[in-house]
Amino acid sequence: MLETSARLLRMLSLMQTRPDWTGPELAERLGVSGRTVRYDIERLRSLGYPVHARRGVVGGYRLGAGKALPPLLLDDEEAVSIVVGLRIAAGSVVDGMDEAMLRALTKLDQVLPSRLHRRVKALQKYTVPVRQTGPAVDMDVMTVLAGACRDHEQLRFRYSSHEGKETSRVVEPYRLVHRMGRWYLVAWDIKREDWRTFRMDRITPRPPHGPRFTPRELPADGDVAAFVNQGVESARGQVRARVLVRAPIASVADRVPPAFGSFAVVDDDTCVFETGASSIENLAVYISLLDADFEVEDPPELVAYIRRLAHRYTGATPSADAADAFDAADAGPSGPTAPTGSVGPVGPAGAEAATAALTH
């Protein structure tokens, strides 16, 4: 059985992991009787911790918010995980996060038990956070936007477009989404009566907030990350492609980042990959990630580009097997006179060729 002081700390730790505990649950976890649990609860109250009791047959307890912050009790893995998380946060694109992270790490270092110092010091010394290259977002702006999302308040702000043109917006804000080094606000644009995605680094809030609103159903069936991906790709995707993939969707969907495109099932052994990019060359890179046989249905320019890659790399790897593979790919299902709107089937060799071409 734990000594009284150790048992009180253990009880505090348990009560910080979830809102409500019954007396029998605490007794079982601490290995004591129900009477001892009630005694320890009174001890915590006498020390200034606001422990609220719930009446009933079983009864229950909740650690409330008091005037003073109770000690944050962490087990070994939780403490080390926080260090890892703070190191990752060092690469944040939110202004002010680096300084806050350093202060938190310093405080954590002061209270860590000696048995964890070696593990934590190794993490601090040998992990190097990569600074994200996206535009920085002001912490105050992020706080304002998050508060408006929480309180369901209309938000007024000035928005600067990619070309630098400023417009006034009034929106119903819903979510803040981080994607590939940039932060986005997902909101319902009141004037345009449609969902919109806004780059947060281009937003200048104009207080005060507007009236409260009744929340709507989120777009994309609630998958706001997918909605942002779709919006960003549509904005930058000057060239679109549709590819028939000769593989089950489950075997290829995880090979391509969601931001690069979307998949749809055709049958158990076939799916369609739709993607967009700023150039034909980038489309070829996305397709190469599939590592499966495919047919390009559109656009014809992508078909021609992949054919050029195939011939180029046939010459770079003059083995009989490689040449035969590329000849078969170039012939396609209908021989050399296949329609210009398809390339198929093209397997991993063609995909590797596409990727290699774009790295030279």
Protein backbone atom coordinates (compact mmCIF):
# COMPACT_ATOMS: atom_id res chain seq x y z
CA MET A 1 0.00 0.00 0.00
CA LEU A 2 1.22 3.50 -0.80
CA GLU A 3 2.19 5.86 2.00
CA THR A 4 -0.25 8.72 2.58
CA SER A 5 1.74 11.45 0.80
CA ALA A 6 2.51 9.24 -2.21
CA ARG A 7 -1.11 8.11 -2.30
CA LEU A 8 -2.38 11.69 -2.36
CA LEU A 9 -0.12 12.52 -5.31
CA ARG A 10 -1.26 9.38 -7.09
CA MET A 11 -4.90 10.35 -6.49
CA LEU A 12 -4.27 13.83 -7.89
CA SER A 13 -2.61 12.28 -10.94
CA LEU A 14 -5.59 10.00 -11.55
CA MET A 15 -8.10 12.83 -11.16
CA GLN A 16 -6.24 14.88 -13.76
CA THR A 17 -6.57 12.15 -16.39
CA ARG A 18 -10.37 12.35 -16.67
CA PRO A 19 -13.19 14.49 -15.20
CA ASP A 20 -15.09 12.01 -12.98
CA TRP A 21 -14.12 9.11 -10.74
CA THR A 22 -16.31 6.97 -8.52
CA GLY A 23 -15.19 6.09 -5.02
CA PRO A 24 -14.85 2.36 -5.82
CA GLU A 25 -12.76 3.14 -8.93
CA LEU A 26 -10.30 5.24 -6.92
CA ALA A 27 -10.18 2.60 -4.18
CA GLU A 28 -9.36 -0.12 -6.71
CA ARG A 29 -6.66 1.91 -8.48
CA LEU A 30 -5.02 2.94 -5.20
CA GLY A 31 -5.42 -0.41 -3.47
CA VAL A 32 -7.24 1.03 -0.45
CA SER A 33 -10.69 0.93 1.08
CA GLY A 34 -13.54 3.31 0.32
CA ARG A 35 -13.13 4.82 3.75
CA THR A 36 -9.49 5.66 3.01
CA VAL A 37 -10.53 7.29 -0.27
CA ARG A 38 -12.96 9.56 1.58
CA TYR A 39 -10.25 10.40 4.13
CA ASP A 40 -7.79 11.28 1.36
CA ILE A 41 -10.37 13.45 -0.40
CA GLU A 42 -10.76 15.49 2.79
CA ARG A 43 -6.97 15.79 3.04
CA LEU A 44 -6.80 17.19 -0.49
CA ARG A 45 -9.52 19.70 0.33
CA SER A 46 -7.66 20.81 3.43
CA LEU A 47 -4.61 21.43 1.24
CA GLY A 48 -6.66 23.72 -1.00
CA TYR A 49 -7.66 21.43 -3.84
CA PRO A 50 -11.34 21.88 -4.86
CA VAL A 51 -12.58 18.27 -5.04
CA HIS A 52 -16.31 18.19 -5.76
CA ALA A 53 -18.43 15.24 -4.63
CA ARG A 54 -21.42 13.81 -6.48
CA ARG A 55 -24.13 12.25 -4.35
CA GLY A 56 -25.69 8.89 -5.17
CA VAL A 57 -25.52 5.20 -4.46
CA VAL A 58 -22.01 4.92 -5.84
CA GLY A 59 -20.90 8.53 -5.48
CA GLY A 60 -18.22 10.27 -7.45
CA TYR A 61 -15.52 12.94 -7.36
CA ARG A 62 -14.23 15.62 -9.69
CA LEU A 63 -11.19 17.89 -9.40
CA GLY A 64 -12.45 21.43 -9.97
CA ALA A 65 -10.69 24.63 -10.94
CA GLY A 66 -9.43 26.59 -7.98
CA LYS A 67 -7.65 29.85 -7.32
CA ALA A 68 -4.26 28.16 -7.44
CA LEU A 69 -3.01 25.83 -10.15
CA PRO A 70 -2.53 22.31 -8.75
CA PRO A 71 0.71 20.53 -9.61
CA LEU A 72 0.66 18.89 -13.03
CA LEU A 73 1.57 15.28 -12.40
CA LEU A 74 3.03 13.37 -15.34
CA ASP A 75 4.28 9.84 -15.65
CA ASP A 76 7.62 9.16 -17.35
CA GLU A 77 6.25 8.60 -20.84
CA GLU A 78 4.01 11.67 -20.65
CA ALA A 79 6.94 13.88 -19.65
CA VAL A 80 9.18 12.58 -22.45
CA SER A 81 6.32 12.92 -24.96
CA ILE A 82 5.90 16.58 -24.02
CA VAL A 83 9.59 17.19 -24.71
CA VAL A 84 9.24 15.60 -28.15
CA GLY A 85 6.14 17.67 -28.86
CA LEU A 86 7.86 20.89 -27.85
CA ARG A 87 10.83 20.11 -30.07
CA ILE A 88 8.45 19.62 -33.00
CA ALA A 89 6.77 22.91 -32.13
CA ALA A 90 10.12 24.63 -32.63
CA GLY A 91 9.50 24.39 -36.36
CA SER A 92 6.14 26.12 -36.09
CA VAL A 93 5.11 28.92 -38.42
CA VAL A 94 3.34 30.73 -35.57
CA ASP A 95 5.19 33.83 -34.37
CA GLY A 96 6.05 33.58 -30.66
CA MET A 97 5.95 29.78 -30.46
CA ASP A 98 9.74 29.38 -30.32
CA GLU A 99 10.08 31.55 -27.21
CA ALA A 100 7.13 29.89 -25.49
CA MET A 101 8.55 26.47 -26.29
CA LEU A 102 11.91 27.40 -24.77
CA ARG A 103 10.27 28.63 -21.56
CA ALA A 104 8.22 25.44 -21.28
CA LEU A 105 11.26 23.23 -21.84
CA THR A 106 13.20 25.15 -19.18
CA LYS A 107 10.43 24.70 -16.63
CA LEU A 108 10.08 21.05 -17.43
CA ASP A 109 13.82 20.51 -17.09
CA GLN A 110 13.77 21.98 -13.58
CA VAL A 111 11.20 19.55 -12.22
CA LEU A 112 12.10 16.34 -14.03
CA PRO A 113 13.35 13.50 -11.83
CA SER A 114 16.96 12.48 -12.33
CA ARG A 115 15.99 9.18 -13.98
CA LEU A 116 14.48 11.09 -16.92
CA HIS A 117 17.20 13.69 -17.41
CA ARG A 118 19.39 11.40 -19.51
CA ARG A 119 16.52 10.56 -21.88
CA VAL A 120 15.34 14.16 -22.16
CA LYS A 121 18.85 15.59 -22.64
CA ALA A 122 19.43 13.12 -25.47
CA LEU A 123 16.23 14.28 -27.15
CA GLN A 124 17.14 17.94 -26.75
CA LYS A 125 20.70 17.49 -28.00
CA TYR A 126 20.20 15.12 -30.89
CA THR A 127 16.89 16.19 -32.38
CA VAL A 128 16.94 19.08 -34.84
CA PRO A 129 13.59 20.70 -35.65
CA VAL A 130 13.24 21.80 -39.26
CA ARG A 131 11.92 25.30 -39.56
CA GLN A 132 8.87 25.26 -41.78
CA THR A 133 9.13 27.57 -44.75
CA GLY A 134 5.53 28.77 -44.83
CA PRO A 135 4.58 32.35 -43.98
CA ALA A 136 4.41 33.07 -40.27
CA VAL A 137 1.06 33.57 -38.55
CA ASP A 138 0.73 36.04 -35.70
CA MET A 139 -0.22 34.34 -32.42
CA ASP A 140 -2.69 37.13 -31.59
CA VAL A 141 -4.46 36.66 -34.94
CA MET A 142 -4.68 32.91 -34.36
CA THR A 143 -6.12 33.48 -30.88
CA VAL A 144 -8.75 35.90 -32.22
CA LEU A 145 -9.82 33.49 -34.96
CA ALA A 146 -9.97 30.50 -32.61
CA GLY A 147 -12.06 32.50 -30.13
CA ALA A 148 -14.53 33.49 -32.84
CA CYS A 149 -14.82 29.83 -33.90
CA ARG A 150 -15.45 28.79 -30.31
CA ASP A 151 -18.05 31.49 -29.59
CA HIS A 152 -19.81 31.21 -32.99
CA GLU A 153 -19.34 34.92 -33.66
CA GLN A 154 -19.25 36.50 -37.08
CA LEU A 155 -15.78 37.69 -37.99
CA ARG A 156 -14.83 40.83 -39.91
CA PHE A 157 -11.39 41.10 -41.50
CA ARG A 158 -9.35 42.53 -44.33
CA TYR A 159 -8.07 39.85 -46.70
CA SER A 160 -5.12 40.23 -49.05
CA SER A 161 -5.22 38.11 -52.20
CA HIS A 162 -2.23 36.47 -53.87
CA GLU A 163 -1.95 39.52 -56.11
CA GLY A 164 -2.01 41.86 -53.10
CA LYS A 165 -5.55 43.15 -53.60
CA GLU A 166 -7.39 43.74 -50.30
CA THR A 167 -11.07 43.05 -49.75
CA SER A 168 -13.38 43.27 -46.73
CA ARG A 169 -14.90 39.98 -45.59
CA VAL A 170 -17.62 39.04 -43.13
CA VAL A 171 -17.68 35.32 -42.37
CA GLU A 172 -18.87 32.66 -39.97
CA PRO A 173 -15.59 31.06 -38.80
CA TYR A 174 -15.45 27.33 -38.08
CA ARG A 175 -12.00 25.72 -38.08
CA LEU A 176 -8.27 26.49 -38.27
CA VAL A 177 -6.38 23.96 -40.41
CA HIS A 178 -2.63 23.49 -40.78
CA ARG A 179 -1.45 22.19 -44.13
CA MET A 180 2.10 21.90 -45.47
CA GLY A 181 3.54 24.88 -43.59
CA ARG A 182 0.48 27.14 -43.90
CA TRP A 183 -2.52 27.87 -41.69
CA TYR A 184 -6.01 28.24 -43.16
CA LEU A 185 -9.36 29.45 -41.85
CA VAL A 186 -12.41 27.49 -43.00
CA ALA A 187 -15.45 29.78 -42.91
CA TRP A 188 -18.84 30.49 -44.45
CA ASP A 189 -18.59 33.69 -46.50
CA ILE A 190 -21.83 35.58 -45.81
CA LYS A 191 -21.75 37.81 -48.91
CA ARG A 192 -20.84 34.98 -51.30
CA GLU A 193 -23.13 32.48 -49.53
CA ASP A 194 -20.60 29.68 -49.81
CA TRP A 195 -17.77 27.96 -47.96
CA ARG A 196 -14.34 29.53 -48.37
CA THR A 197 -10.75 28.83 -47.33
CA PHE A 198 -8.59 31.80 -46.27
CA ARG A 199 -4.83 31.94 -45.73
CA MET A 200 -4.41 33.09 -42.13
CA ASP A 201 -1.23 35.05 -42.82
CA ARG A 202 -3.29 37.26 -45.15
CA ILE A 203 -6.01 37.99 -42.60
CA THR A 204 -6.18 41.25 -40.62
CA PRO A 205 -9.07 41.08 -38.09
CA ARG A 206 -11.27 44.14 -37.70
CA PRO A 207 -12.87 44.11 -34.25
CA PRO A 208 -15.40 44.10 -32.81
CA HIS A 209 -16.87 40.75 -33.82
CA GLY A 210 -20.33 40.54 -35.31
CA PRO A 211 -23.40 38.82 -33.87
CA ARG A 212 -23.52 35.15 -32.92
CA PHE A 213 -24.61 32.63 -35.54
CA THR A 214 -26.15 29.17 -35.55
CA PRO A 215 -23.48 26.67 -36.69
CA ARG A 216 -23.97 25.01 -40.08
CA GLU A 217 -23.03 21.50 -41.11
CA LEU A 218 -19.36 21.49 -42.07
CA PRO A 219 -18.40 20.96 -45.73
CA ALA A 220 -17.00 17.69 -47.10
CA ASP A 221 -19.13 15.71 -44.62
CA GLY A 222 -17.22 17.28 -41.74
CA ASP A 223 -13.74 16.51 -43.11
CA VAL A 224 -12.45 20.08 -43.12
CA ALA A 225 -8.88 18.94 -43.84
CA ALA A 226 -10.06 17.35 -47.08
CA PHE A 227 -12.01 20.51 -47.89
CA VAL A 228 -8.88 22.63 -47.48
CA ASN A 229 -6.83 20.22 -49.58
CA GLN A 230 -9.40 20.38 -52.35
CA GLY A 231 -9.60 24.16 -52.24
CA VAL A 232 -5.85 24.68 -52.31
CA GLU A 233 -5.36 22.20 -55.13
CA SER A 234 -8.16 23.79 -57.15
CA ALA A 235 -6.56 27.20 -56.71
CA ARG A 236 -3.12 26.12 -57.84
CA GLY A 237 -4.02 23.19 -60.08
CA GLN A 238 -3.77 24.77 -63.51
CA VAL A 239 -3.42 21.31 -65.07
CA ARG A 240 -5.76 18.47 -64.14
CA ALA A 241 -5.39 14.74 -64.80
CA ARG A 242 -7.58 11.66 -64.59
CA VAL A 243 -5.79 8.34 -64.31
CA LEU A 244 -7.21 4.81 -64.33
CA VAL A 245 -5.14 2.77 -61.88
CA ARG A 246 -4.94 -1.01 -62.28
CA ALA A 247 -4.84 -1.73 -58.55
CA PRO A 248 -7.25 -1.86 -55.61
CA ILE A 249 -7.82 1.52 -54.04
CA ALA A 250 -6.64 0.24 -50.64
CA SER A 251 -3.21 -0.61 -52.06
CA VAL A 252 -2.47 2.80 -53.59
CA ALA A 253 -4.43 5.46 -51.69
CA ASP A 254 -1.88 5.70 -48.87
CA ARG A 255 1.03 6.13 -51.29
CA VAL A 256 -0.05 9.62 -52.34
CA PRO A 257 -0.48 12.50 -49.87
CA PRO A 258 -4.15 13.56 -49.68
CA ALA A 259 -3.19 17.02 -50.88
CA PHE A 260 -2.07 15.59 -54.23
CA GLY A 261 -5.43 14.22 -55.33
CA SER A 262 -8.38 11.94 -54.68
CA PHE A 263 -9.33 8.33 -55.45
CA ALA A 264 -12.61 6.70 -56.44
CA VAL A 265 -13.39 2.99 -56.64
CA VAL A 266 -14.17 1.45 -60.05
CA ASP A 267 -14.19 -2.20 -58.97
CA ASP A 268 -12.24 -4.50 -56.64
CA ASP A 269 -9.10 -4.29 -58.79
CA THR A 270 -9.33 -0.81 -60.31
CA CYS A 271 -9.68 2.78 -59.16
CA VAL A 272 -9.54 6.30 -60.57
CA PHE A 273 -6.98 8.87 -59.42
CA GLU A 274 -7.80 12.54 -60.08
CA THR A 275 -5.09 15.08 -59.45
CA GLY A 276 -4.03 18.61 -60.28
CA ALA A 277 -0.74 20.50 -60.39
CA SER A 278 0.89 23.60 -61.78
CA SER A 279 2.64 21.66 -64.54
CA ILE A 280 2.58 18.44 -66.54
CA GLU A 281 5.92 17.53 -64.98
CA ASN A 282 4.47 17.61 -61.47
CA LEU A 283 1.53 15.48 -62.54
CA ALA A 284 3.98 12.82 -63.68
CA VAL A 285 5.63 12.88 -60.27
CA TYR A 286 2.30 12.36 -58.49
CA ILE A 287 1.45 9.42 -60.74
CA SER A 288 4.87 7.85 -60.16
CA LEU A 289 4.06 7.57 -56.46
CA LEU A 290 1.29 5.08 -57.23
CA ASP A 291 3.79 2.32 -58.12
CA ALA A 292 1.09 0.51 -60.10
CA ASP A 293 0.00 0.00 -63.70
CA PHE A 294 -2.11 2.87 -64.99
CA GLU A 295 -3.74 4.50 -67.99
CA VAL A 296 -3.85 8.26 -68.39
CA GLU A 297 -7.34 9.19 -69.55
CA ASP A 298 -6.70 12.93 -69.64
CA PRO A 299 -4.97 15.22 -70.61
CA PRO A 300 -3.26 14.20 -73.89
CA GLU A 301 -0.25 16.39 -73.04
CA LEU A 302 0.50 14.17 -70.05
CA VAL A 303 0.32 11.09 -72.27
CA ALA A 304 2.89 12.57 -74.62
CA TYR A 305 5.16 13.63 -71.78
CA ILE A 306 5.19 10.15 -70.19
CA ARG A 307 5.98 8.60 -73.59
CA ARG A 308 9.00 10.93 -73.94
CA LEU A 309 10.17 9.93 -70.48
CA ALA A 310 9.85 6.26 -71.33
CA HIS A 311 12.00 6.58 -74.46
CA ARG A 312 14.53 8.78 -72.70
CA TYR A 313 15.09 6.28 -69.94
CA THR A 314 15.10 3.34 -72.27
CA GLY A 315 18.26 4.83 -73.70
CA ALA A 316 19.68 5.45 -70.24
CA THR A 317 19.19 1.80 -69.20
CA PRO A 318 19.98 -0.24 -72.33
CA SER A 319 19.23 -3.70 -70.98
CA ALA A 320 17.09 -6.04 -73.04
CA ASP A 321 14.61 -6.53 -70.23
CA ALA A 322 14.20 -2.80 -69.66
CA ALA A 323 13.80 -2.14 -73.36
CA ASP A 324 11.16 -4.83 -73.67
CA ALA A 325 9.29 -3.41 -70.68
CA PHE A 326 9.24 0.08 -72.13
CA ASP A 327 8.24 -1.19 -75.58
CA ALA A 328 5.29 -3.00 -74.03
CA ALA A 329 4.29 0.08 -72.09
CA ASP A 330 4.56 2.28 -75.14
CA ALA A 331 2.45 -0.07 -77.24
CA GLY A 332 -0.44 -0.04 -74.78
CA PRO A 333 -3.50 -2.27 -75.03
CA SER A 334 -4.10 -1.41 -78.69
CA GLY A 335 -0.52 -1.44 -79.97
CA PRO A 336 1.49 1.56 -81.18
CA THR A 337 -1.60 3.25 -82.60
CA ALA A 338 -3.36 3.51 -79.20
CA PRO A 339 -5.41 6.71 -78.74
CA THR A 340 -3.44 9.73 -77.60
CA GLY A 341 -5.68 9.99 -74.54
CA SER A 342 -4.27 6.90 -72.87
CA VAL A 343 -1.01 5.39 -71.81
CA GLY A 344 -1.40 1.91 -70.55
CA PRO A 345 -0.55 -0.12 -68.89
CA VAL A 346 2.43 1.70 -67.43
CA GLY A 347 4.03 0.00 -64.45
CA PRO A 348 6.65 0.92 -61.86
CA ALA A 349 9.40 1.25 -64.47
CA GLY A 350 7.55 4.07 -66.21
CA ALA A 351 6.74 5.67 -62.87
CA GLU A 352 10.39 5.66 -61.84
CA ALA A 353 11.28 7.22 -65.17
CA ALA A 354 8.84 10.06 -64.57
CA THR A 355 10.25 10.74 -61.13
CA ALA A 356 13.85 10.60 -62.27
CA ALA A 357 13.24 13.00 -65.13
CA LEU A 358 12.06 15.68 -62.79
CA THR A 359 15.15 15.46 -60.60
CA HIS A 360 17.56 16.30 -63.40
